[in-house]
PDB file of N, CA and C in Angstrom:
ATOM      1  N   MET A   1       6.134  -2.945 -11.138  1.00  0.00           N
ATOM      2  CA  MET A   1       5.699  -1.429 -10.477  1.00  0.00           C
ATOM      3  C   MET A   1       6.746  -1.751  -9.360  1.00  0.00           C
ATOM      4  N   GLY A   2       7.393  -0.650  -9.160  1.00  0.00           N
ATOM      5  CA  GLY A   2       7.981  -0.346  -7.835  1.00  0.00           C
ATOM      6  C   GLY A   2       8.031   1.116  -7.531  1.00  0.00           C
ATOM      7  N   TYR A   3       9.106   1.573  -6.715  1.00  0.00           N
ATOM      8  CA  TYR A   3       8.972   2.666  -6.383  1.00  0.00           C
ATOM      9  C   TYR A   3       9.501   4.008  -7.735  1.00  0.00           C
ATOM     10  N   SER A   4       8.768   4.748  -7.705  1.00  0.00           N
ATOM     11  CA  SER A   4       8.921   5.748  -8.664  1.00  0.00           C
ATOM     12  C   SER A   4      10.421   6.499  -8.593  1.00  0.00           C
ATOM     13  N   ALA A   5      10.669   7.271  -9.421  1.00  0.00           N
ATOM     14  CA  ALA A   5      11.820   8.287  -9.516  1.00  0.00           C
ATOM     15  C   ALA A   5      11.941   9.252  -8.589  1.00  0.00           C
ATOM     16  N   ALA A   6      10.336   9.538  -8.246  1.00  0.00           N
ATOM     17  CA  ALA A   6      10.388  10.465  -6.995  1.00  0.00           C
ATOM     18  C   ALA A   6      10.722  10.089  -5.997  1.00  0.00           C
ATOM     19  N   VAL A   7      10.301   8.742  -5.884  1.00  0.00           N
ATOM     20  CA  VAL A   7      10.375   8.721  -4.205  1.00  0.00           C
ATOM     21  C   VAL A   7      12.221   8.030  -4.239  1.00  0.00           C
ATOM     22  N   GLY A   8      12.702   8.651  -3.107  1.00  0.00           N
ATOM     23  CA  GLY A   8      14.136   8.548  -2.603  1.00  0.00           C
ATOM     24  C   GLY A   8      14.906   9.597  -3.110  1.00  0.00           C
ATOM     25  N   SER A   9      13.900  10.610  -3.479  1.00  0.00           N
ATOM     26  CA  SER A   9      14.763  12.035  -4.143  1.00  0.00           C
ATOM     27  C   SER A   9      15.193  12.770  -2.799  1.00  0.00           C
ATOM     28  N   LEU A  10      14.809  12.426  -1.786  1.00  0.00           N
ATOM     29  CA  LEU A  10      14.846  13.716  -0.596  1.00  0.00           C
ATOM     30  C   LEU A  10      16.356  13.485  -0.132  1.00  0.00           C
ATOM     31  N   SER A  11      16.964  14.575   0.057  1.00  0.00           N
ATOM     32  CA  SER A  11      18.474  14.594   1.139  1.00  0.00           C
ATOM     33  C   SER A  11      18.259  13.877   2.282  1.00  0.00           C
ATOM     34  N   ARG A  12      19.442  13.409   2.568  1.00  0.00           N
ATOM     35  CA  ARG A  12      19.337  13.210   4.454  1.00  0.00           C
ATOM     36  C   ARG A  12      18.829  14.516   5.208  1.00  0.00           C
ATOM     37  N   SER A  13      19.045  15.262   4.888  1.00  0.00           N
ATOM     38  CA  SER A  13      18.774  16.779   5.760  1.00  0.00           C
ATOM     39  C   SER A  13      17.256  16.869   5.407  1.00  0.00           C
ATOM     40  N   GLN A  14      16.671  16.653   4.419  1.00  0.00           N
ATOM     41  CA  GLN A  14      15.535  16.764   4.250  1.00  0.00           C
ATOM     42  C   GLN A  14      14.871  15.880   5.162  1.00  0.00           C
ATOM     43  N   LEU A  15      15.054  14.870   4.956  1.00  0.00           N
ATOM     44  CA  LEU A  15      14.493  13.624   5.520  1.00  0.00           C
ATOM     45  C   LEU A  15      14.589  13.972   7.220  1.00  0.00           C
ATOM     46  N   ASP A  16      15.580  14.363   7.631  1.00  0.00           N
ATOM     47  CA  ASP A  16      15.707  14.541   9.406  1.00  0.00           C
ATOM     48  C   ASP A  16      15.011  15.826   9.301  1.00  0.00           C
ATOM     49  N   ALA A  17      14.529  16.654   8.614  1.00  0.00           N
ATOM     50  CA  ALA A  17      13.695  17.565   9.058  1.00  0.00           C
ATOM     51  C   ALA A  17      12.285  17.298   9.204  1.00  0.00           C
ATOM     52  N   LEU A  18      11.638  16.265   7.936  1.00  0.00           N
ATOM     53  CA  LEU A  18      10.820  15.936   8.207  1.00  0.00           C
ATOM     54  C   LEU A  18      10.426  14.837   9.671  1.00  0.00           C
ATOM     55  N   ILE A  19      11.305  14.564  10.018  1.00  0.00           N
ATOM     56  CA  ILE A  19      11.321  13.300  11.062  1.00  0.00           C
ATOM     57  C   ILE A  19      11.329  14.577  11.904  1.00  0.00           C
ATOM     58  N   GLU A  20      11.960  15.445  12.311  1.00  0.00           N
ATOM     59  CA  GLU A  20      12.096  16.102  13.429  1.00  0.00           C
ATOM     60  C   GLU A  20      10.573  16.882  13.484  1.00  0.00           C
ATOM     61  N   GLN A  21      10.167  17.269  12.362  1.00  0.00           N
ATOM     62  CA  GLN A  21       8.673  17.780  12.341  1.00  0.00           C
ATOM     63  C   GLN A  21       7.368  16.763  12.940  1.00  0.00           C
ATOM     64  N   ALA A  22       7.678  15.383  12.839  1.00  0.00           N
ATOM     65  CA  ALA A  22       7.092  14.872  12.869  1.00  0.00           C
ATOM     66  C   ALA A  22       7.044  14.554  14.459  1.00  0.00           C
ATOM     67  N   THR A  23       7.994  14.614  15.132  1.00  0.00           N
ATOM     68  CA  THR A  23       8.636  13.744  16.245  1.00  0.00           C
ATOM     69  C   THR A  23       9.233  15.041  17.442  1.00  0.00           C
ATOM     70  N   VAL A  24       9.069  16.343  17.262  1.00  0.00           N
ATOM     71  CA  VAL A  24       9.191  17.509  18.050  1.00  0.00           C
ATOM     72  C   VAL A  24       8.824  17.287  19.439  1.00  0.00           C
ATOM     73  N   ASP A  25       7.981  16.571  19.681  1.00  0.00           N
ATOM     74  CA  ASP A  25       7.567  16.619  21.273  1.00  0.00           C
ATOM     75  C   ASP A  25       7.567  15.255  21.749  1.00  0.00           C
ATOM     76  N   CYS A  26       8.150  14.144  21.181  1.00  0.00           N
ATOM     77  CA  CYS A  26       8.111  12.706  21.222  1.00  0.00           C
ATOM     78  C   CYS A  26       9.223  12.430  22.493  1.00  0.00           C
ATOM     79  N   CYS A  27       8.983  11.806  23.532  1.00  0.00           N
ATOM     80  CA  CYS A  27       9.757  11.373  24.572  1.00  0.00           C
ATOM     81  C   CYS A  27      10.783   9.978  24.375  1.00  0.00           C
ATOM     82  N   ASN A  28       9.755   8.937  23.249  1.00  0.00           N
ATOM     83  CA  ASN A  28      10.380   7.804  23.177  1.00  0.00           C
ATOM     84  C   ASN A  28      10.421   7.120  21.788  1.00  0.00           C
ATOM     85  N   GLU A  29      10.693   5.951  21.549  1.00  0.00           N
ATOM     86  CA  GLU A  29      10.250   5.503  19.983  1.00  0.00           C
ATOM     87  C   GLU A  29       8.849   4.988  19.480  1.00  0.00           C
ATOM     88  N   ASP A  30       7.921   4.940  20.688  1.00  0.00           N
ATOM     89  CA  ASP A  30       6.444   4.410  20.624  1.00  0.00           C
ATOM     90  C   ASP A  30       5.866   6.068  20.385  1.00  0.00           C
ATOM     91  N   GLU A  31       6.339   7.306  21.141  1.00  0.00           N
ATOM     92  CA  GLU A  31       5.772   8.344  20.577  1.00  0.00           C
ATOM     93  C   GLU A  31       6.318   8.777  19.228  1.00  0.00           C
ATOM     94  N   GLN A  32       7.390   8.562  18.590  1.00  0.00           N
ATOM     95  CA  GLN A  32       8.024   8.882  17.333  1.00  0.00           C
ATOM     96  C   GLN A  32       7.317   8.113  16.639  1.00  0.00           C
ATOM     97  N   LEU A  33       7.133   6.929  16.729  1.00  0.00           N
ATOM     98  CA  LEU A  33       6.247   6.071  15.697  1.00  0.00           C
ATOM     99  C   LEU A  33       4.715   6.702  15.328  1.00  0.00           C
ATOM    100  N   THR A  34       4.391   7.107  16.406  1.00  0.00           N
ATOM    101  CA  THR A  34       2.938   7.709  16.485  1.00  0.00           C
ATOM    102  C   THR A  34       2.903   8.943  15.728  1.00  0.00           C
ATOM    103  N   GLY A  35       4.166   9.445  15.875  1.00  0.00           N
ATOM    104  CA  GLY A  35       3.990  11.023  15.448  1.00  0.00           C
ATOM    105  C   GLY A  35       4.505  10.966  13.867  1.00  0.00           C
ATOM    106  N   LEU A  36       5.244   9.821  13.331  1.00  0.00           N
ATOM    107  CA  LEU A  36       5.277   9.619  12.007  1.00  0.00           C
ATOM    108  C   LEU A  36       4.096   8.872  11.276  1.00  0.00           C
ATOM    109  N   HIS A  37       3.474   8.226  11.967  1.00  0.00           N
ATOM    110  CA  HIS A  37       2.036   7.377  11.369  1.00  0.00           C
ATOM    111  C   HIS A  37       1.056   8.503  11.400  1.00  0.00           C
ATOM    112  N   THR A  38       1.211   9.857  12.201  1.00  0.00           N
ATOM    113  CA  THR A  38       0.077  10.655  12.160  1.00  0.00           C
ATOM    114  C   THR A  38       0.439  11.759  10.892  1.00  0.00           C
ATOM    115  N   MET A  39       1.770  12.066  10.651  1.00  0.00           N
ATOM    116  CA  MET A  39       1.979  12.544   9.494  1.00  0.00           C
ATOM    117  C   MET A  39       1.491  11.647   8.062  1.00  0.00           C
ATOM    118  N   ILE A  40       2.231  10.331   7.851  1.00  0.00           N
ATOM    119  CA  ILE A  40       1.747   9.555   7.197  1.00  0.00           C
ATOM    120  C   ILE A  40       0.134   9.681   6.909  1.00  0.00           C
ATOM    121  N   HIS A  41      -0.651   9.234   8.175  1.00  0.00           N
ATOM    122  CA  HIS A  41      -2.091   9.398   8.005  1.00  0.00           C
ATOM    123  C   HIS A  41      -2.616  10.545   7.484  1.00  0.00           C
ATOM    124  N   ASP A  42      -2.207  11.913   7.819  1.00  0.00           N
ATOM    125  CA  ASP A  42      -2.721  13.370   7.557  1.00  0.00           C
ATOM    126  C   ASP A  42      -2.180  13.613   5.990  1.00  0.00           C
ATOM    127  N   ASN A  43      -0.891  13.231   5.500  1.00  0.00           N
ATOM    128  CA  ASN A  43      -0.619  13.814   4.260  1.00  0.00           C
ATOM    129  C   ASN A  43      -0.679  13.009   3.148  1.00  0.00           C
ATOM    130  N   LEU A  44      -0.759  11.605   3.599  1.00  0.00           N
ATOM    131  CA  LEU A  44      -0.775  10.751   2.252  1.00  0.00           C
ATOM    132  C   LEU A  44      -1.951  10.712   1.553  1.00  0.00           C
ATOM    133  N   ALA A  45      -2.127  10.942   0.097  1.00  0.00           N
ATOM    134  CA  ALA A  45      -3.581  11.218  -0.754  1.00  0.00           C
ATOM    135  C   ALA A  45      -3.925   9.338  -0.827  1.00  0.00           C
ATOM    136  N   VAL A  46      -5.045   9.308  -0.099  1.00  0.00           N
ATOM    137  CA  VAL A  46      -5.570   7.958  -0.174  1.00  0.00           C
ATOM    138  C   VAL A  46      -7.422   8.529  -0.628  1.00  0.00           C
ATOM    139  N   PRO A  47      -7.667   7.539  -1.288  1.00  0.00           N
ATOM    140  CA  PRO A  47      -7.131   6.260  -1.761  1.00  0.00           C
ATOM    141  C   PRO A  47      -6.172   6.523  -2.937  1.00  0.00           C
ATOM    142  N   PHE A  48      -5.646   5.011  -3.439  1.00  0.00           N
ATOM    143  CA  PHE A  48      -4.687   5.012  -4.397  1.00  0.00           C
ATOM    144  C   PHE A  48      -4.359   3.637  -4.833  1.00  0.00           C
ATOM    145  N   ALA A  49      -4.429   3.316  -6.290  1.00  0.00           N
ATOM    146  CA  ALA A  49      -4.127   2.111  -6.829  1.00  0.00           C
ATOM    147  C   ALA A  49      -2.551   1.633  -6.799  1.00  0.00           C
ATOM    148  N   THR A  50      -2.459   0.735  -6.492  1.00  0.00           N
ATOM    149  CA  THR A  50      -0.781   0.127  -6.807  1.00  0.00           C
ATOM    150  C   THR A  50      -1.022  -1.425  -6.855  1.00  0.00           C
ATOM    151  N   GLN A  51       0.257  -1.938  -7.372  1.00  0.00           N
ATOM    152  CA  GLN A  51       0.174  -3.517  -7.589  1.00  0.00           C
ATOM    153  C   GLN A  51       1.010  -3.906  -6.180  1.00  0.00           C
ATOM    154  N   VAL A  52       0.082  -5.494  -6.119  1.00  0.00           N
ATOM    155  CA  VAL A  52       0.834  -6.032  -4.736  1.00  0.00           C
ATOM    156  C   VAL A  52       1.051  -7.555  -5.843  1.00  0.00           C
ATOM    157  N   LEU A  53       2.033  -8.033  -5.593  1.00  0.00           N
ATOM    158  CA  LEU A  53       2.282  -9.466  -6.464  1.00  0.00           C
ATOM    159  C   LEU A  53       1.513  -9.417  -7.615  1.00  0.00           C
ATOM    160  N   GLY A  54       1.775  -8.362  -8.488  1.00  0.00           N
ATOM    161  CA  GLY A  54       0.911  -8.416  -9.750  1.00  0.00           C
ATOM    162  C   GLY A  54      -0.455  -8.441  -9.680  1.00  0.00           C
ATOM    163  N   VAL A  55      -1.111  -8.091  -8.430  1.00  0.00           N
ATOM    164  CA  VAL A  55      -2.568  -7.881  -8.534  1.00  0.00           C
ATOM    165  C   VAL A  55      -2.897  -6.331  -8.353  1.00  0.00           C
ATOM    166  N   GLU A  56      -3.874  -5.781  -8.782  1.00  0.00           N
ATOM    167  CA  GLU A  56      -4.283  -4.186  -8.492  1.00  0.00           C
ATOM    168  C   GLU A  56      -5.006  -4.236  -7.372  1.00  0.00           C
ATOM    169  N   VAL A  57      -4.622  -3.569  -6.245  1.00  0.00           N
ATOM    170  CA  VAL A  57      -4.889  -3.360  -5.003  1.00  0.00           C
ATOM    171  C   VAL A  57      -5.663  -1.855  -4.849  1.00  0.00           C
ATOM    172  N   THR A  58      -6.239  -1.095  -3.822  1.00  0.00           N
ATOM    173  CA  THR A  58      -6.207   0.072  -3.639  1.00  0.00           C
ATOM    174  C   THR A  58      -6.071   0.051  -2.177  1.00  0.00           C
ATOM    175  N   VAL A  59      -5.256   1.146  -2.140  1.00  0.00           N
ATOM    176  CA  VAL A  59      -4.994   1.626  -0.579  1.00  0.00           C
ATOM    177  C   VAL A  59      -5.873   2.918  -0.436  1.00  0.00           C
ATOM    178  N   ARG A  60      -6.617   2.046   0.756  1.00  0.00           N
ATOM    179  CA  ARG A  60      -7.887   3.436   1.568  1.00  0.00           C
ATOM    180  C   ARG A  60      -7.276   4.137   2.733  1.00  0.00           C
ATOM    181  N   ARG A  61      -6.354   3.324   3.326  1.00  0.00           N
ATOM    182  CA  ARG A  61      -5.933   3.935   4.470  1.00  0.00           C
ATOM    183  C   ARG A  61      -4.905   3.608   5.120  1.00  0.00           C
ATOM    184  N   VAL A  62      -4.005   4.212   5.873  1.00  0.00           N
ATOM    185  CA  VAL A  62      -3.053   3.820   6.947  1.00  0.00           C
ATOM    186  C   VAL A  62      -3.093   3.550   8.202  1.00  0.00           C
ATOM    187  N   ASP A  63      -2.632   2.338   8.750  1.00  0.00           N
ATOM    188  CA  ASP A  63      -3.033   2.383  10.421  1.00  0.00           C
ATOM    189  C   ASP A  63      -1.753   2.320  11.076  1.00  0.00           C
ATOM    190  N   LEU A  64      -1.598   2.200  12.140  1.00  0.00           N
ATOM    191  CA  LEU A  64      -0.741   1.860  13.235  1.00  0.00           C
ATOM    192  C   LEU A  64      -0.732   0.452  14.164  1.00  0.00           C
ATOM    193  N   THR A  65       0.150  -0.458  13.881  1.00  0.00           N
ATOM    194  CA  THR A  65      -0.354  -1.659  14.439  1.00  0.00           C
ATOM    195  C   THR A  65       1.220  -2.256  15.235  1.00  0.00           C
ATOM    196  N   GLY A  66       1.221  -3.198  15.946  1.00  0.00           N
ATOM    197  CA  GLY A  66       2.182  -3.288  16.896  1.00  0.00           C
ATOM    198  C   GLY A  66       3.289  -3.823  15.929  1.00  0.00           C
ATOM    199  N   SER A  67       3.178  -4.063  14.528  1.00  0.00           N
ATOM    200  CA  SER A  67       4.642  -4.322  14.158  1.00  0.00           C
ATOM    201  C   SER A  67       4.772  -3.160  13.364  1.00  0.00           C
ATOM    202  N   GLY A  68       4.028  -1.804  13.251  1.00  0.00           N
ATOM    203  CA  GLY A  68       4.563  -0.619  12.658  1.00  0.00           C
ATOM    204  C   GLY A  68       3.492  -0.081  11.847  1.00  0.00           C
ATOM    205  N   ILE A  69       3.612   0.509  10.822  1.00  0.00           N
ATOM    206  CA  ILE A  69       2.871   1.519   9.842  1.00  0.00           C
ATOM    207  C   ILE A  69       2.423   0.660   8.724  1.00  0.00           C
ATOM    208  N   VAL A  70       0.939   0.367   8.399  1.00  0.00           N
ATOM    209  CA  VAL A  70       0.618  -0.460   7.585  1.00  0.00           C
ATOM    210  C   VAL A  70      -0.307  -0.018   6.574  1.00  0.00           C
ATOM    211  N   ALA A  71      -0.354  -0.336   5.409  1.00  0.00           N
ATOM    212  CA  ALA A  71      -1.278   0.084   4.321  1.00  0.00           C
ATOM    213  C   ALA A  71      -2.245  -0.686   4.504  1.00  0.00           C
ATOM    214  N   ILE A  72      -3.937  -0.324   4.334  1.00  0.00           N
ATOM    215  CA  ILE A  72      -4.590  -1.128   4.285  1.00  0.00           C
ATOM    216  C   ILE A  72      -5.197  -1.246   2.804  1.00  0.00           C
ATOM    217  N   CYS A  73      -5.049  -2.386   2.251  1.00  0.00           N
ATOM    218  CA  CYS A  73      -5.206  -2.714   0.676  1.00  0.00           C
ATOM    219  C   CYS A  73      -6.537  -3.679   0.575  1.00  0.00           C
ATOM    220  N   HIS A  74      -7.152  -3.178  -0.250  1.00  0.00           N
ATOM    221  CA  HIS A  74      -8.177  -3.482  -0.719  1.00  0.00           C
ATOM    222  C   HIS A  74      -8.364  -3.972  -2.248  1.00  0.00           C
ATOM    223  N   ARG A  75      -9.143  -5.255  -2.406  1.00  0.00           N
ATOM    224  CA  ARG A  75      -9.368  -5.609  -3.607  1.00  0.00           C
ATOM    225  C   ARG A  75     -10.364  -6.464  -3.805  1.00  0.00           C
ATOM    226  N   GLU A  76     -11.653  -5.838  -4.260  1.00  0.00           N
ATOM    227  CA  GLU A  76     -12.952  -6.170  -4.057  1.00  0.00           C
ATOM    228  C   GLU A  76     -13.609  -6.498  -2.570  1.00  0.00           C
ATOM    229  N   ARG A  77     -13.537  -7.636  -2.084  1.00  0.00           N
ATOM    230  CA  ARG A  77     -14.461  -7.744  -0.846  1.00  0.00           C
ATOM    231  C   ARG A  77     -13.038  -8.351   0.129  1.00  0.00           C
ATOM    232  N   MET A  78     -11.716  -8.351  -0.501  1.00  0.00           N
ATOM    233  CA  MET A  78     -10.831  -9.057   0.562  1.00  0.00           C
ATOM    234  C   MET A  78      -9.801  -7.438   0.901  1.00  0.00           C
ATOM    235  N   ARG A  79      -9.366  -7.769   2.224  1.00  0.00           N
ATOM    236  CA  ARG A  79      -8.357  -6.699   2.711  1.00  0.00           C
ATOM    237  C   ARG A  79      -7.444  -7.639   2.973  1.00  0.00           C
ATOM    238  N   GLN A  80      -6.057  -6.580   3.167  1.00  0.00           N
ATOM    239  CA  GLN A  80      -4.826  -6.888   3.615  1.00  0.00           C
ATOM    240  C   GLN A  80      -4.162  -5.806   4.227  1.00  0.00           C
ATOM    241  N   ALA A  81      -3.404  -5.862   5.015  1.00  0.00           N
ATOM    242  CA  ALA A  81      -2.799  -4.866   5.560  1.00  0.00           C
ATOM    243  C   ALA A  81      -1.599  -5.544   5.026  1.00  0.00           C
ATOM    244  N   ILE A  82      -0.410  -4.501   4.491  1.00  0.00           N
ATOM    245  CA  ILE A  82       1.028  -4.497   4.411  1.00  0.00           C
ATOM    246  C   ILE A  82       1.779  -3.446   4.860  1.00  0.00           C
ATOM    247  N   GLY A  83       2.872  -3.886   5.265  1.00  0.00           N
ATOM    248  CA  GLY A  83       3.802  -3.005   5.759  1.00  0.00           C
ATOM    249  C   GLY A  83       4.103  -1.727   4.615  1.00  0.00           C
ATOM    250  N   ILE A  84       4.024  -0.486   5.380  1.00  0.00           N
ATOM    251  CA  ILE A  84       4.342   0.603   4.259  1.00  0.00           C
ATOM    252  C   ILE A  84       5.469   0.702   3.643  1.00  0.00           C
ATOM    253  N   LEU A  85       6.494  -0.126   4.245  1.00  0.00           N
ATOM    254  CA  LEU A  85       7.673  -0.115   3.969  1.00  0.00           C
ATOM    255  C   LEU A  85       8.019  -0.873   2.774  1.00  0.00           C
ATOM    256  N   ASP A  86       7.001  -1.886   2.550  1.00  0.00           N
ATOM    257  CA  ASP A  86       7.182  -3.370   1.555  1.00  0.00           C
ATOM    258  C   ASP A  86       6.023  -2.895   0.667  1.00  0.00           C
ATOM    259  N   LEU A  87       5.404  -1.688   0.764  1.00  0.00           N
ATOM    260  CA  LEU A  87       4.385  -1.372  -0.209  1.00  0.00           C
ATOM    261  C   LEU A  87       4.959  -0.857  -1.735  1.00  0.00           C
ATOM    262  N   PRO A  88       4.870  -1.383  -2.711  1.00  0.00           N
ATOM    263  CA  PRO A  88       5.197  -0.941  -4.095  1.00  0.00           C
ATOM    264  C   PRO A  88       4.251   0.205  -4.513  1.00  0.00           C
ATOM    265  N   LEU A  89       4.928   1.341  -4.613  1.00  0.00           N
ATOM    266  CA  LEU A  89       4.343   2.644  -4.757  1.00  0.00           C
ATOM    267  C   LEU A  89       3.866   2.731  -6.581  1.00  0.00           C
ATOM    268  N   PRO A  90       2.891   3.264  -6.921  1.00  0.00           N
ATOM    269  CA  PRO A  90       2.572   3.673  -8.373  1.00  0.00           C
ATOM    270  C   PRO A  90       3.542   4.554  -8.853  1.00  0.00           C
ATOM    271  N   ASP A  91       3.635   4.924  -9.943  1.00  0.00           N
ATOM    272  CA  ASP A  91       4.431   5.985 -11.019  1.00  0.00           C
ATOM    273  C   ASP A  91       3.485   6.766 -11.582  1.00  0.00           C
ATOM    274  N   PRO A  92       3.263   7.757 -11.391  1.00  0.00           N
ATOM    275  CA  PRO A  92       3.787   8.917 -10.295  1.00  0.00           C
ATOM    276  C   PRO A  92       3.060   8.596  -8.851  1.00  0.00           C
ATOM    277  N   PRO A  93       3.964   8.753  -8.180  1.00  0.00           N
ATOM    278  CA  PRO A  93       3.453   8.164  -6.595  1.00  0.00           C
ATOM    279  C   PRO A  93       2.262   9.231  -5.975  1.00  0.00           C
ATOM    280  N   PRO A  94       1.726   8.806  -4.966  1.00  0.00           N
ATOM    281  CA  PRO A  94       0.690   9.864  -4.623  1.00  0.00           C
ATOM    282  C   PRO A  94       1.185  11.225  -3.889  1.00  0.00           C
ATOM    283  N   ASP A  95       0.666  11.998  -3.259  1.00  0.00           N
ATOM    284  CA  ASP A  95       1.143  13.368  -2.666  1.00  0.00           C
ATOM    285  C   ASP A  95       1.118  12.590  -1.340  1.00  0.00           C
ATOM    286  N   GLY A  96       2.106  13.156  -0.384  1.00  0.00           N
ATOM    287  CA  GLY A  96       2.251  12.916   0.714  1.00  0.00           C
ATOM    288  C   GLY A  96       3.453  11.522   0.927  1.00  0.00           C
ATOM    289  N   VAL A  97       3.938  11.041  -0.189  1.00  0.00           N
ATOM    290  CA  VAL A  97       4.924   9.902  -0.125  1.00  0.00           C
ATOM    291  C   VAL A  97       6.119  10.219   0.436  1.00  0.00           C
ATOM    292  N   GLU A  98       6.685  11.800   0.720  1.00  0.00           N
ATOM    293  CA  GLU A  98       7.636  12.041   1.426  1.00  0.00           C
ATOM    294  C   GLU A  98       7.834  11.310   2.765  1.00  0.00           C
ATOM    295  N   TRP A  99       6.481  11.067   3.450  1.00  0.00           N
ATOM    296  CA  TRP A  99       6.417  11.037   5.106  1.00  0.00           C
ATOM    297  C   TRP A  99       6.873   9.608   4.867  1.00  0.00           C
ATOM    298  N   ILE A 100       6.430   8.871   4.022  1.00  0.00           N
ATOM    299  CA  ILE A 100       6.642   7.461   3.918  1.00  0.00           C
ATOM    300  C   ILE A 100       8.225   7.397   3.783  1.00  0.00           C
ATOM    301  N   GLU A 101       8.883   8.148   2.972  1.00  0.00           N
ATOM    302  CA  GLU A 101      10.408   8.147   2.880  1.00  0.00           C
ATOM    303  C   GLU A 101      11.220   8.529   4.260  1.00  0.00           C
ATOM    304  N   ALA A 102      10.463   9.343   4.620  1.00  0.00           N
ATOM    305  CA  ALA A 102      10.818   9.779   6.202  1.00  0.00           C
ATOM    306  C   ALA A 102      10.727   8.655   7.216  1.00  0.00           C
ATOM    307  N   TYR A 103       9.682   8.059   7.161  1.00  0.00           N
ATOM    308  CA  TYR A 103       9.510   7.045   7.679  1.00  0.00           C
ATOM    309  C   TYR A 103      10.513   5.771   7.983  1.00  0.00           C
ATOM    310  N   ARG A 104      10.897   5.468   6.453  1.00  0.00           N
ATOM    311  CA  ARG A 104      11.684   4.813   5.948  1.00  0.00           C
ATOM    312  C   ARG A 104      13.315   4.851   6.741  1.00  0.00           C
ATOM    313  N   HIS A 105      13.334   6.218   6.508  1.00  0.00           N
ATOM    314  CA  HIS A 105      14.865   6.606   6.777  1.00  0.00           C
ATOM    315  C   HIS A 105      14.800   6.687   8.420  1.00  0.00           C
ATOM    316  N   TRP A 106      13.677   6.760   9.071  1.00  0.00           N
ATOM    317  CA  TRP A 106      13.763   6.808  10.731  1.00  0.00           C
ATOM    318  C   TRP A 106      13.947   5.142  11.232  1.00  0.00           C
ATOM    319  N   ALA A 107      13.535   4.235  10.744  1.00  0.00           N
ATOM    320  CA  ALA A 107      13.073   2.730  10.678  1.00  0.00           C
ATOM    321  C   ALA A 107      14.663   2.169  10.302  1.00  0.00           C
ATOM    322  N   LEU A 108      15.005   2.376   9.499  1.00  0.00           N
ATOM    323  CA  LEU A 108      16.265   1.843   8.893  1.00  0.00           C
ATOM    324  C   LEU A 108      17.655   2.752   9.412  1.00  0.00           C
ATOM    325  N   GLY A 109      17.208   4.075   9.932  1.00  0.00           N
ATOM    326  CA  GLY A 109      18.478   5.042  10.266  1.00  0.00           C
ATOM    327  C   GLY A 109      19.635   4.314  10.306  1.00  0.00           C
TER     328      GLY A 109
END
């Protein structure tokens, strides 16, 4: 399981517009990261199921950590934070996935 066909279908100008929307009042990279996290948090439809290393997990929320934006994945009583850019998305992807792509574009820019 990997990225669905719908992910990665946004043009560079569409991604730039999303980034501009998320970072409009930001003065530095930390504030931009916070703005992108806020947009992912507010728009990504959670919970959703996906597979990580062949194991089904449920993504219940996203958090901002010192290493970036992470998905909090649950399986039974276990919980693991996985970098949102490393998270395989289900097909079809959840609503709001375009914000993950905008973050990817910003981070790897």
